[in-house]
Amino acid sequence: MAQNLVVGLIVIAAALYVAWRYLPKRWLQRLGVKPASGCGGDDGGCGSCGSCGTTQQQTEEKTVAMPRSRRQ
């Protein structure tokens, strides 16, 4: 019985964490919670911590040369 209760509490806690983590920013602001910023904050600040590379490196376009097909 106690084992079922503990497992149920863990599942409920995990479900609440996932729901809280993926709430829209608008809902978090209504609840008075400041959304996370920086890396992983979904605010476009991925270059702020330095682990993601620079913004220029992320936005550069690279040209890839593809070999021509030998079929005609």
N, C-alpha and C. Protein backbone atom coordinates (compact mmCIF):
# COMPACT_ATOMS: atom_id res chain seq x y z
N MET A 1 0.83 -1.20 0.00
CA MET A 1 0.00 0.00 0.00
C MET A 1 0.87 1.25 0.00
N ALA A 2 1.86 1.28 0.86
CA ALA A 2 2.74 2.45 0.95
C ALA A 2 3.55 2.62 -0.34
N GLN A 3 3.93 1.48 -0.93
CA GLN A 3 4.69 1.55 -2.17
C GLN A 3 3.85 2.20 -3.27
N ASN A 4 2.59 1.86 -3.37
CA ASN A 4 1.71 2.47 -4.37
C ASN A 4 1.55 3.96 -4.15
N LEU A 5 1.46 4.36 -2.90
CA LEU A 5 1.34 5.78 -2.56
C LEU A 5 2.59 6.56 -2.96
N VAL A 6 3.76 6.00 -2.68
CA VAL A 6 5.02 6.66 -3.04
C VAL A 6 5.16 6.78 -4.55
N VAL A 7 4.87 5.71 -5.26
CA VAL A 7 4.94 5.73 -6.72
C VAL A 7 3.96 6.74 -7.28
N GLY A 8 2.75 6.79 -6.73
CA GLY A 8 1.76 7.76 -7.18
C GLY A 8 2.22 9.19 -6.97
N LEU A 9 2.83 9.47 -5.82
CA LEU A 9 3.35 10.82 -5.55
C LEU A 9 4.47 11.19 -6.51
N ILE A 10 5.34 10.24 -6.82
CA ILE A 10 6.42 10.50 -7.76
C ILE A 10 5.87 10.80 -9.15
N VAL A 11 4.89 10.04 -9.57
CA VAL A 11 4.29 10.26 -10.89
C VAL A 11 3.60 11.62 -10.94
N ILE A 12 2.88 11.97 -9.90
CA ILE A 12 2.21 13.28 -9.86
C ILE A 12 3.23 14.41 -9.88
N ALA A 13 4.32 14.25 -9.12
CA ALA A 13 5.36 15.28 -9.09
C ALA A 13 6.01 15.43 -10.47
N ALA A 14 6.26 14.32 -11.15
CA ALA A 14 6.86 14.37 -12.48
C ALA A 14 5.92 15.03 -13.47
N ALA A 15 4.64 14.72 -13.40
CA ALA A 15 3.66 15.33 -14.30
C ALA A 15 3.55 16.83 -14.06
N LEU A 16 3.56 17.25 -12.80
CA LEU A 16 3.51 18.68 -12.49
C LEU A 16 4.75 19.40 -12.97
N TYR A 17 5.91 18.77 -12.83
CA TYR A 17 7.16 19.39 -13.31
C TYR A 17 7.12 19.59 -14.82
N VAL A 18 6.70 18.56 -15.55
CA VAL A 18 6.64 18.67 -17.01
C VAL A 18 5.64 19.73 -17.42
N ALA A 19 4.48 19.76 -16.78
CA ALA A 19 3.48 20.78 -17.10
C ALA A 19 4.01 22.18 -16.81
N TRP A 20 4.69 22.35 -15.68
CA TRP A 20 5.24 23.66 -15.31
C TRP A 20 6.35 24.08 -16.26
N ARG A 21 7.19 23.13 -16.65
CA ARG A 21 8.33 23.42 -17.52
C ARG A 21 7.89 23.90 -18.90
N TYR A 22 6.80 23.36 -19.41
CA TYR A 22 6.37 23.67 -20.76
C TYR A 22 5.16 24.59 -20.82
N LEU A 23 4.85 25.26 -19.72
CA LEU A 23 3.77 26.25 -19.76
C LEU A 23 4.18 27.41 -20.66
N PRO A 24 3.24 27.98 -21.40
CA PRO A 24 3.56 29.16 -22.21
C PRO A 24 4.02 30.32 -21.32
N LYS A 25 4.91 31.16 -21.86
CA LYS A 25 5.44 32.29 -21.10
C LYS A 25 4.33 33.19 -20.59
N ARG A 26 3.29 33.35 -21.38
CA ARG A 26 2.17 34.21 -21.00
C ARG A 26 1.53 33.71 -19.71
N TRP A 27 1.37 32.41 -19.58
CA TRP A 27 0.75 31.85 -18.38
C TRP A 27 1.67 32.02 -17.18
N LEU A 28 2.98 31.82 -17.40
CA LEU A 28 3.92 32.00 -16.30
C LEU A 28 3.93 33.44 -15.80
N GLN A 29 3.83 34.40 -16.72
CA GLN A 29 3.80 35.80 -16.33
C GLN A 29 2.54 36.11 -15.53
N ARG A 30 1.42 35.50 -15.90
CA ARG A 30 0.18 35.70 -15.14
C ARG A 30 0.31 35.15 -13.72
N LEU A 31 1.07 34.07 -13.58
CA LEU A 31 1.26 33.47 -12.26
C LEU A 31 2.32 34.21 -11.46
N GLY A 32 2.98 35.18 -12.07
CA GLY A 32 3.99 35.97 -11.37
C GLY A 32 5.36 35.34 -11.34
N VAL A 33 5.61 34.39 -12.24
CA VAL A 33 6.90 33.72 -12.30
C VAL A 33 7.68 34.28 -13.46
N LYS A 34 8.94 34.62 -13.22
CA LYS A 34 9.79 35.13 -14.29
C LYS A 34 10.29 33.95 -15.11
N PRO A 35 10.04 33.93 -16.44
CA PRO A 35 10.55 32.84 -17.26
C PRO A 35 12.08 32.80 -17.24
N ALA A 36 12.63 31.62 -17.37
CA ALA A 36 14.09 31.45 -17.36
C ALA A 36 14.69 32.15 -18.56
N SER A 37 15.88 32.70 -18.37
CA SER A 37 16.57 33.35 -19.48
C SER A 37 17.92 32.69 -19.69
N GLY A 38 18.54 33.02 -20.80
CA GLY A 38 19.84 32.43 -21.11
C GLY A 38 19.67 31.12 -21.84
N CYS A 39 20.63 30.26 -21.73
CA CYS A 39 20.58 28.98 -22.44
C CYS A 39 19.42 28.14 -21.92
N GLY A 40 18.63 27.63 -22.84
CA GLY A 40 17.50 26.80 -22.47
C GLY A 40 16.29 27.57 -22.05
N GLY A 41 16.32 28.89 -22.15
CA GLY A 41 15.20 29.70 -21.70
C GLY A 41 14.21 30.02 -22.79
N ASP A 42 14.44 29.58 -24.02
CA ASP A 42 13.55 29.85 -25.15
C ASP A 42 13.33 31.33 -25.39
N ASP A 43 14.28 32.16 -25.00
CA ASP A 43 14.10 33.60 -25.22
C ASP A 43 15.06 34.12 -26.28
N GLY A 44 15.72 33.23 -26.97
CA GLY A 44 16.64 33.64 -28.01
C GLY A 44 18.00 34.05 -27.48
N GLY A 45 18.27 33.86 -26.21
CA GLY A 45 19.53 34.26 -25.62
C GLY A 45 20.53 33.13 -25.55
N CYS A 46 20.57 32.30 -26.55
CA CYS A 46 21.41 31.12 -26.49
C CYS A 46 22.90 31.45 -26.56
N GLY A 47 23.28 32.60 -27.05
CA GLY A 47 24.68 32.93 -27.12
C GLY A 47 25.19 33.58 -25.84
N SER A 48 24.33 33.79 -24.87
CA SER A 48 24.70 34.56 -23.69
C SER A 48 25.65 33.82 -22.75
N CYS A 49 25.58 32.50 -22.69
CA CYS A 49 26.42 31.78 -21.73
C CYS A 49 27.73 31.31 -22.35
N GLY A 50 27.82 31.34 -23.67
CA GLY A 50 29.06 30.95 -24.33
C GLY A 50 29.17 29.48 -24.67
N SER A 51 28.26 28.65 -24.20
CA SER A 51 28.37 27.22 -24.48
C SER A 51 27.72 26.84 -25.80
N CYS A 52 26.95 27.73 -26.37
CA CYS A 52 26.24 27.41 -27.60
C CYS A 52 26.97 27.92 -28.84
N GLY A 53 28.06 28.63 -28.70
CA GLY A 53 28.74 29.23 -29.84
C GLY A 53 28.22 30.64 -30.03
N THR A 54 28.87 31.36 -30.89
CA THR A 54 28.46 32.74 -31.10
C THR A 54 27.27 32.80 -32.04
N THR A 55 26.57 33.90 -31.99
CA THR A 55 25.40 34.09 -32.85
C THR A 55 25.82 34.10 -34.31
N GLN A 56 26.98 34.69 -34.61
CA GLN A 56 27.44 34.76 -35.99
C GLN A 56 27.70 33.36 -36.53
N GLN A 57 28.26 32.48 -35.71
CA GLN A 57 28.52 31.12 -36.16
C GLN A 57 27.22 30.38 -36.43
N GLN A 58 26.20 30.66 -35.66
CA GLN A 58 24.93 29.97 -35.83
C GLN A 58 24.19 30.44 -37.06
N THR A 59 24.35 31.70 -37.45
CA THR A 59 23.56 32.25 -38.54
C THR A 59 24.27 32.21 -39.88
N GLU A 60 25.57 31.84 -39.91
CA GLU A 60 26.28 31.78 -41.18
C GLU A 60 25.71 30.66 -42.03
N GLU A 61 25.56 30.98 -43.32
CA GLU A 61 25.09 29.95 -44.25
C GLU A 61 26.30 29.27 -44.85
N LYS A 62 26.24 27.98 -44.99
CA LYS A 62 27.33 27.23 -45.58
C LYS A 62 26.85 26.63 -46.90
N THR A 63 27.68 26.79 -47.92
CA THR A 63 27.35 26.25 -49.23
C THR A 63 27.93 24.84 -49.32
N VAL A 64 27.09 23.92 -49.76
CA VAL A 64 27.51 22.53 -49.89
C VAL A 64 27.47 22.18 -51.36
N ALA A 65 28.57 21.71 -51.89
CA ALA A 65 28.63 21.30 -53.29
C ALA A 65 28.23 19.84 -53.39
N MET A 66 27.20 19.59 -54.17
CA MET A 66 26.72 18.23 -54.37
C MET A 66 27.24 17.71 -55.71
N PRO A 67 27.72 16.49 -55.76
CA PRO A 67 28.19 15.94 -57.04
C PRO A 67 27.02 15.77 -58.01
N ARG A 68 27.31 15.99 -59.27
CA ARG A 68 26.26 15.85 -60.28
C ARG A 68 25.95 14.38 -60.49
N SER A 69 24.73 14.13 -60.82
CA SER A 69 24.31 12.78 -61.09
C SER A 69 24.87 12.33 -62.44
N ARG A 70 25.27 11.08 -62.52
CA ARG A 70 25.82 10.57 -63.78
C ARG A 70 24.72 10.06 -64.70
N ARG A 71 23.51 10.00 -64.21
CA ARG A 71 22.38 9.57 -65.06
C ARG A 71 21.99 10.69 -66.00
N GLN A 72 21.55 10.30 -67.17
CA GLN A 72 21.09 11.31 -68.12
C GLN A 72 19.74 10.96 -68.66
